[in-house]
Amino acid sequence: MTQNIEQMLKKVDEKRYVLDVRGYSCPYPQLFLAQALKAVEKESLLEILTDNPPSTETLPRSIRNNKQEYIGTEVVQPGVWKITAKKITA
């Protein structure tokens, strides 16, 4: 891993964070997601940006496996997706 979570995770406003995992393929997005979920506050939204098509399936599953709420996936631009989660447990 060439970056640490502090470089990839940005707080954009009260209770909203963006995790930019563009350029990474599996399993790194899931590893970064797990670290980010530990770092953000309960009741926060976490928006994950990815350009790795398999992550659009694996990240929602990882969110649920971590006992958090999967909100949805949307296309930000061609080849880039935003996957939104809500941290509901500590």
N, C-alpha and C. Protein backbone atom coordinates (compact mmCIF):
# COMPACT_ATOMS: atom_id res chain seq x y z
N MET A 1 0.86 -1.18 0.00
CA MET A 1 0.00 0.00 0.00
C MET A 1 0.90 1.23 0.00
N THR A 2 0.62 2.13 -0.92
CA THR A 2 1.48 3.30 -1.04
C THR A 2 0.99 4.48 -0.22
N GLN A 3 -0.23 4.46 0.23
CA GLN A 3 -0.76 5.56 1.04
C GLN A 3 -1.33 5.01 2.33
N ASN A 4 -1.42 5.88 3.34
CA ASN A 4 -2.09 5.45 4.55
C ASN A 4 -3.49 6.06 4.59
N ILE A 5 -4.30 5.57 5.49
CA ILE A 5 -5.71 5.96 5.53
C ILE A 5 -5.90 7.46 5.74
N GLU A 6 -4.99 8.10 6.48
CA GLU A 6 -5.13 9.53 6.74
C GLU A 6 -5.02 10.35 5.44
N GLN A 7 -4.27 9.85 4.47
CA GLN A 7 -4.13 10.55 3.19
C GLN A 7 -5.33 10.33 2.29
N MET A 8 -6.04 9.24 2.48
CA MET A 8 -7.14 8.86 1.60
C MET A 8 -8.50 9.28 2.14
N LEU A 9 -8.62 9.44 3.44
CA LEU A 9 -9.90 9.75 4.07
C LEU A 9 -9.96 11.23 4.40
N LYS A 10 -10.96 11.91 3.87
CA LYS A 10 -11.12 13.35 4.10
C LYS A 10 -12.48 13.63 4.70
N LYS A 11 -12.50 14.45 5.75
CA LYS A 11 -13.76 14.92 6.33
C LYS A 11 -14.18 16.14 5.52
N VAL A 12 -15.37 16.06 4.90
CA VAL A 12 -15.82 17.16 4.04
C VAL A 12 -16.81 18.09 4.72
N ASP A 13 -17.51 17.59 5.71
CA ASP A 13 -18.35 18.44 6.56
C ASP A 13 -18.78 17.61 7.77
N GLU A 14 -19.60 18.18 8.61
CA GLU A 14 -20.02 17.51 9.82
C GLU A 14 -20.65 16.16 9.49
N LYS A 15 -20.05 15.09 10.00
CA LYS A 15 -20.57 13.73 9.84
C LYS A 15 -20.58 13.24 8.39
N ARG A 16 -19.67 13.73 7.54
CA ARG A 16 -19.56 13.25 6.15
C ARG A 16 -18.09 13.17 5.76
N TYR A 17 -17.69 12.00 5.28
CA TYR A 17 -16.31 11.73 4.89
C TYR A 17 -16.27 11.17 3.48
N VAL A 18 -15.15 11.37 2.81
CA VAL A 18 -14.91 10.78 1.49
C VAL A 18 -13.63 9.95 1.58
N LEU A 19 -13.74 8.71 1.12
CA LEU A 19 -12.60 7.80 1.03
C LEU A 19 -12.33 7.58 -0.45
N ASP A 20 -11.19 8.05 -0.93
CA ASP A 20 -10.85 7.95 -2.35
C ASP A 20 -9.93 6.76 -2.57
N VAL A 21 -10.48 5.69 -3.13
CA VAL A 21 -9.69 4.49 -3.42
C VAL A 21 -9.50 4.29 -4.92
N ARG A 22 -9.66 5.37 -5.69
CA ARG A 22 -9.43 5.27 -7.13
C ARG A 22 -7.97 4.86 -7.37
N GLY A 23 -7.79 3.98 -8.33
CA GLY A 23 -6.46 3.50 -8.65
C GLY A 23 -6.08 2.22 -7.92
N TYR A 24 -6.92 1.75 -7.01
CA TYR A 24 -6.64 0.53 -6.26
C TYR A 24 -7.60 -0.56 -6.69
N SER A 25 -7.09 -1.79 -6.77
CA SER A 25 -7.94 -2.95 -7.06
C SER A 25 -8.00 -3.85 -5.83
N CYS A 26 -8.86 -4.82 -5.89
CA CYS A 26 -9.05 -5.74 -4.77
C CYS A 26 -7.74 -6.41 -4.41
N PRO A 27 -7.46 -6.57 -3.13
CA PRO A 27 -8.35 -6.39 -1.98
C PRO A 27 -8.19 -5.04 -1.30
N TYR A 28 -7.41 -4.13 -1.85
CA TYR A 28 -7.11 -2.87 -1.16
C TYR A 28 -8.33 -2.02 -0.84
N PRO A 29 -9.30 -1.85 -1.75
CA PRO A 29 -10.46 -1.03 -1.34
C PRO A 29 -11.17 -1.55 -0.09
N GLN A 30 -11.28 -2.88 0.04
CA GLN A 30 -11.92 -3.43 1.24
C GLN A 30 -11.08 -3.19 2.48
N LEU A 31 -9.77 -3.29 2.36
CA LEU A 31 -8.90 -3.03 3.51
C LEU A 31 -8.99 -1.57 3.94
N PHE A 32 -8.99 -0.66 2.97
CA PHE A 32 -9.11 0.77 3.29
C PHE A 32 -10.49 1.08 3.88
N LEU A 33 -11.53 0.43 3.36
CA LEU A 33 -12.88 0.61 3.91
C LEU A 33 -12.91 0.23 5.37
N ALA A 34 -12.36 -0.91 5.71
CA ALA A 34 -12.37 -1.36 7.11
C ALA A 34 -11.65 -0.36 8.01
N GLN A 35 -10.53 0.18 7.55
CA GLN A 35 -9.81 1.19 8.34
C GLN A 35 -10.62 2.46 8.47
N ALA A 36 -11.26 2.88 7.38
CA ALA A 36 -12.06 4.11 7.41
C ALA A 36 -13.24 3.98 8.35
N LEU A 37 -13.89 2.83 8.35
CA LEU A 37 -15.03 2.64 9.25
C LEU A 37 -14.62 2.73 10.71
N LYS A 38 -13.41 2.34 11.02
CA LYS A 38 -12.91 2.49 12.39
C LYS A 38 -12.63 3.95 12.72
N ALA A 39 -12.24 4.73 11.71
CA ALA A 39 -11.80 6.11 11.93
C ALA A 39 -12.94 7.12 12.01
N VAL A 40 -14.07 6.85 11.36
CA VAL A 40 -15.15 7.84 11.32
C VAL A 40 -16.08 7.67 12.52
N GLU A 41 -16.79 8.74 12.82
CA GLU A 41 -17.70 8.76 13.97
C GLU A 41 -18.99 8.02 13.65
N LYS A 42 -19.62 7.50 14.69
CA LYS A 42 -20.93 6.86 14.54
C LYS A 42 -21.91 7.88 13.97
N GLU A 43 -22.82 7.40 13.12
CA GLU A 43 -23.84 8.21 12.44
C GLU A 43 -23.26 9.06 11.29
N SER A 44 -22.02 8.82 10.92
CA SER A 44 -21.41 9.55 9.80
C SER A 44 -21.69 8.83 8.49
N LEU A 45 -21.74 9.63 7.42
CA LEU A 45 -21.80 9.07 6.07
C LEU A 45 -20.37 8.92 5.56
N LEU A 46 -20.12 7.83 4.88
CA LEU A 46 -18.83 7.57 4.26
C LEU A 46 -19.08 7.34 2.78
N GLU A 47 -18.52 8.22 1.95
CA GLU A 47 -18.65 8.12 0.50
C GLU A 47 -17.32 7.58 -0.04
N ILE A 48 -17.38 6.44 -0.71
CA ILE A 48 -16.18 5.80 -1.23
C ILE A 48 -16.15 6.00 -2.74
N LEU A 49 -15.07 6.59 -3.24
CA LEU A 49 -14.90 6.76 -4.68
C LEU A 49 -14.01 5.65 -5.21
N THR A 50 -14.47 4.97 -6.26
CA THR A 50 -13.70 3.87 -6.84
C THR A 50 -13.81 3.89 -8.35
N ASP A 51 -12.75 3.44 -8.99
CA ASP A 51 -12.77 3.25 -10.44
C ASP A 51 -12.53 1.78 -10.78
N ASN A 52 -12.71 0.92 -9.79
CA ASN A 52 -12.52 -0.52 -9.95
C ASN A 52 -13.90 -1.19 -10.02
N PRO A 53 -14.34 -1.62 -11.22
CA PRO A 53 -15.70 -2.19 -11.33
C PRO A 53 -16.04 -3.29 -10.32
N PRO A 54 -15.15 -4.25 -10.02
CA PRO A 54 -15.52 -5.26 -9.02
C PRO A 54 -15.83 -4.68 -7.63
N SER A 55 -15.26 -3.53 -7.32
CA SER A 55 -15.52 -2.91 -6.01
C SER A 55 -16.97 -2.49 -5.86
N THR A 56 -17.67 -2.27 -6.98
CA THR A 56 -19.09 -1.89 -6.88
C THR A 56 -19.92 -3.03 -6.32
N GLU A 57 -19.40 -4.25 -6.35
CA GLU A 57 -20.07 -5.40 -5.75
C GLU A 57 -19.47 -5.78 -4.40
N THR A 58 -18.14 -5.72 -4.29
CA THR A 58 -17.51 -6.18 -3.05
C THR A 58 -17.62 -5.17 -1.91
N LEU A 59 -17.58 -3.87 -2.22
CA LEU A 59 -17.65 -2.88 -1.14
C LEU A 59 -19.01 -2.86 -0.45
N PRO A 60 -20.13 -2.88 -1.19
CA PRO A 60 -21.41 -2.95 -0.46
C PRO A 60 -21.51 -4.18 0.44
N ARG A 61 -20.99 -5.31 -0.03
CA ARG A 61 -20.99 -6.52 0.80
C ARG A 61 -20.11 -6.32 2.03
N SER A 62 -18.96 -5.69 1.86
CA SER A 62 -18.06 -5.43 3.00
C SER A 62 -18.70 -4.47 3.99
N ILE A 63 -19.43 -3.50 3.51
CA ILE A 63 -20.13 -2.56 4.39
C ILE A 63 -21.11 -3.33 5.27
N ARG A 64 -21.91 -4.18 4.65
CA ARG A 64 -22.89 -4.97 5.42
C ARG A 64 -22.19 -5.95 6.37
N ASN A 65 -21.10 -6.56 5.90
CA ASN A 65 -20.37 -7.51 6.75
C ASN A 65 -19.77 -6.83 7.97
N ASN A 66 -19.50 -5.52 7.87
CA ASN A 66 -18.98 -4.74 8.99
C ASN A 66 -20.11 -4.17 9.85
N LYS A 67 -21.33 -4.64 9.61
CA LYS A 67 -22.51 -4.25 10.40
C LYS A 67 -22.86 -2.77 10.26
N GLN A 68 -22.59 -2.22 9.06
CA GLN A 68 -22.93 -0.84 8.78
C GLN A 68 -24.02 -0.80 7.70
N GLU A 69 -24.57 0.36 7.45
CA GLU A 69 -25.67 0.49 6.50
C GLU A 69 -25.16 0.89 5.12
N TYR A 70 -25.48 0.10 4.13
CA TYR A 70 -25.18 0.42 2.74
C TYR A 70 -26.29 1.31 2.21
N ILE A 71 -25.96 2.52 1.76
CA ILE A 71 -26.96 3.47 1.27
C ILE A 71 -27.20 3.30 -0.23
N GLY A 72 -26.13 3.21 -1.01
CA GLY A 72 -26.31 3.05 -2.44
C GLY A 72 -25.03 3.30 -3.22
N THR A 73 -25.13 3.03 -4.53
CA THR A 73 -24.02 3.23 -5.45
C THR A 73 -24.52 4.08 -6.60
N GLU A 74 -23.72 5.06 -6.99
CA GLU A 74 -24.08 5.90 -8.13
C GLU A 74 -22.86 6.17 -8.99
N VAL A 75 -23.11 6.40 -10.27
CA VAL A 75 -22.05 6.74 -11.21
C VAL A 75 -21.76 8.23 -11.04
N VAL A 76 -20.50 8.57 -10.79
CA VAL A 76 -20.07 9.96 -10.66
C VAL A 76 -19.68 10.51 -12.03
N GLN A 77 -18.97 9.68 -12.78
CA GLN A 77 -18.59 9.97 -14.16
C GLN A 77 -18.29 8.62 -14.78
N PRO A 78 -18.19 8.53 -16.09
CA PRO A 78 -17.92 7.22 -16.69
C PRO A 78 -16.68 6.56 -16.07
N GLY A 79 -16.89 5.36 -15.54
CA GLY A 79 -15.79 4.61 -14.95
C GLY A 79 -15.46 4.94 -13.51
N VAL A 80 -16.26 5.82 -12.87
CA VAL A 80 -16.04 6.18 -11.46
C VAL A 80 -17.39 6.10 -10.74
N TRP A 81 -17.37 5.40 -9.61
CA TRP A 81 -18.57 5.22 -8.81
C TRP A 81 -18.38 5.78 -7.41
N LYS A 82 -19.51 6.19 -6.81
CA LYS A 82 -19.54 6.61 -5.41
C LYS A 82 -20.44 5.63 -4.67
N ILE A 83 -19.87 4.98 -3.68
CA ILE A 83 -20.59 4.03 -2.85
C ILE A 83 -20.75 4.68 -1.48
N THR A 84 -21.99 4.79 -1.02
CA THR A 84 -22.25 5.49 0.23
C THR A 84 -22.67 4.51 1.32
N ALA A 85 -22.06 4.70 2.49
CA ALA A 85 -22.35 3.90 3.67
C ALA A 85 -22.64 4.84 4.84
N LYS A 86 -23.37 4.31 5.80
CA LYS A 86 -23.59 5.05 7.05
C LYS A 86 -23.09 4.18 8.18
N LYS A 87 -22.25 4.76 9.02
CA LYS A 87 -21.74 4.03 10.18
C LYS A 87 -22.82 4.06 11.25
N ILE A 88 -23.35 2.90 11.56
CA ILE A 88 -24.45 2.84 12.52
C ILE A 88 -24.07 2.18 13.84
N THR A 89 -22.90 1.52 13.86
CA THR A 89 -22.42 0.93 15.11
C THR A 89 -21.02 1.45 15.40
N ALA A 90 -20.66 1.44 16.64
CA ALA A 90 -19.34 1.94 17.03
C ALA A 90 -18.21 1.06 16.58
